[in-house]
Amino acid sequence: METKAILRGVRLSAQKGRLVADQIRGLPVDKALNVLAFSPKKGAVIIKKVLESAIANAEHNDGADIDALKVKRVFVERGMFLKRFQARAKGRGNRVLKHTCHIFITVGD
């Protein structure tokens, strides 16, 4: 039995999100939550919320035992760019791409 949670359009680059996702892949959910709680990275806060959502989905929708759950799959994909510009000298402008990502977490026995 597997249950998933998805968060799309997070204001975080996929590369930085993958650094955090690699730390919790395959761990039991209690250890994964502990790792995320003490990580100083911005992505840890966001991924922790998605993991808590996946745990709640497993408990409510599938009636799963929380103590037996493990992080089966977690991956972070690149999302759309927010396209902005920064004013430069002589009336010019530079393009600024603000990265977003999609976070997918699957928990199971």
Protein backbone atom coordinates (compact mmCIF):
# COMPACT_ATOMS: atom_id res chain seq x y z
CA MET A 1 0.00 0.00 0.00
CA GLU A 2 1.40 3.34 -1.05
CA THR A 3 0.06 6.83 -0.52
CA LYS A 4 1.39 10.00 -2.08
CA ALA A 5 1.33 13.75 -1.66
CA ILE A 6 2.20 16.31 -4.33
CA LEU A 7 3.11 19.97 -4.07
CA ARG A 8 3.42 21.93 -7.30
CA GLY A 9 4.92 25.33 -8.05
CA VAL A 10 7.11 25.70 -4.97
CA ARG A 11 9.35 28.78 -4.99
CA LEU A 12 12.50 26.70 -4.63
CA SER A 13 14.96 25.50 -7.24
CA ALA A 14 14.84 21.79 -8.00
CA GLN A 15 18.57 21.42 -7.40
CA LYS A 16 18.28 22.71 -3.83
CA GLY A 17 15.19 20.61 -3.21
CA ARG A 18 16.96 17.44 -4.36
CA LEU A 19 19.71 17.97 -1.78
CA VAL A 20 17.11 17.68 0.98
CA ALA A 21 15.12 14.90 -0.72
CA ASP A 22 18.22 12.70 -0.94
CA GLN A 23 18.62 12.85 2.85
CA ILE A 24 15.22 11.28 3.62
CA ARG A 25 14.81 8.75 0.80
CA GLY A 26 14.17 5.27 2.24
CA LEU A 27 13.99 6.34 5.90
CA PRO A 28 11.14 5.53 8.30
CA VAL A 29 8.84 8.55 8.56
CA ASP A 30 9.70 9.35 12.18
CA LYS A 31 13.42 9.53 11.36
CA ALA A 32 12.71 11.50 8.18
CA LEU A 33 10.66 14.07 10.11
CA ASN A 34 13.48 14.33 12.65
CA VAL A 35 16.10 14.92 9.92
CA LEU A 36 13.93 17.59 8.30
CA ALA A 37 13.14 19.32 11.61
CA PHE A 38 16.83 19.96 12.33
CA SER A 39 17.99 20.79 8.81
CA PRO A 40 18.81 24.48 8.27
CA LYS A 41 17.76 24.47 4.61
CA LYS A 42 14.67 26.22 3.25
CA GLY A 43 13.70 23.10 1.31
CA ALA A 44 13.56 21.07 4.53
CA VAL A 45 10.64 23.13 5.83
CA ILE A 46 8.70 22.71 2.59
CA ILE A 47 9.42 18.99 2.18
CA LYS A 48 8.51 18.39 5.83
CA LYS A 49 5.04 19.81 5.21
CA VAL A 50 4.57 17.59 2.15
CA LEU A 51 5.75 14.54 4.11
CA GLU A 52 3.30 15.33 6.92
CA SER A 53 0.57 15.59 4.29
CA ALA A 54 1.50 12.19 2.85
CA ILE A 55 1.41 10.66 6.34
CA ALA A 56 -2.00 12.19 7.01
CA ASN A 57 -3.26 10.90 3.65
CA ALA A 58 -2.06 7.40 4.48
CA GLU A 59 -3.71 7.45 7.90
CA HIS A 60 -7.01 8.99 6.84
CA ASN A 61 -7.57 7.55 3.36
CA ASP A 62 -5.93 4.13 3.69
CA GLY A 63 -6.05 3.50 7.45
CA ALA A 64 -2.31 2.84 7.57
CA ASP A 65 -0.27 2.41 10.75
CA ILE A 66 1.97 5.48 11.02
CA ASP A 67 4.73 3.62 12.88
CA ALA A 68 5.19 1.19 9.96
CA LEU A 69 5.44 3.82 7.21
CA LYS A 70 8.64 4.50 5.27
CA VAL A 71 9.49 7.08 2.62
CA LYS A 72 9.29 4.94 -0.53
CA ARG A 73 9.88 7.59 -3.19
CA VAL A 74 10.66 11.26 -3.05
CA PHE A 75 11.63 13.28 -6.07
CA VAL A 76 11.80 16.92 -7.02
CA GLU A 77 11.20 18.02 -10.60
CA ARG A 78 11.79 21.36 -12.24
CA GLY A 79 8.73 23.58 -12.59
CA MET A 80 8.02 26.69 -14.60
CA PHE A 81 10.14 29.81 -14.35
CA LEU A 82 8.83 33.11 -13.08
CA LYS A 83 10.22 35.55 -15.62
CA ARG A 84 11.21 38.93 -14.20
CA PHE A 85 13.63 41.64 -15.23
CA GLN A 86 16.19 43.75 -13.45
CA ALA A 87 16.78 47.32 -14.55
CA ARG A 88 20.30 48.06 -15.81
CA ALA A 89 22.12 51.12 -17.07
CA LYS A 90 21.17 53.06 -20.21
CA GLY A 91 17.59 51.80 -20.31
CA ARG A 92 18.50 48.18 -20.62
CA GLY A 93 17.20 45.25 -18.63
CA ASN A 94 18.47 41.83 -17.62
CA ARG A 95 16.26 38.76 -17.50
CA VAL A 96 15.88 37.16 -14.07
CA LEU A 97 14.52 33.60 -13.96
CA LYS A 98 13.03 32.61 -10.62
CA HIS A 99 12.97 28.84 -10.35
CA THR A 100 10.07 26.71 -9.14
CA CYS A 101 9.75 22.97 -8.61
CA HIS A 102 7.26 20.16 -8.02
CA ILE A 103 7.68 17.84 -5.02
CA PHE A 104 6.33 14.26 -5.05
CA ILE A 105 6.48 12.06 -1.92
CA THR A 106 5.22 8.47 -1.67
CA VAL A 107 5.02 6.67 1.67
CA GLY A 108 4.24 3.00 2.21
CA ASP A 109 4.92 -0.13 4.25
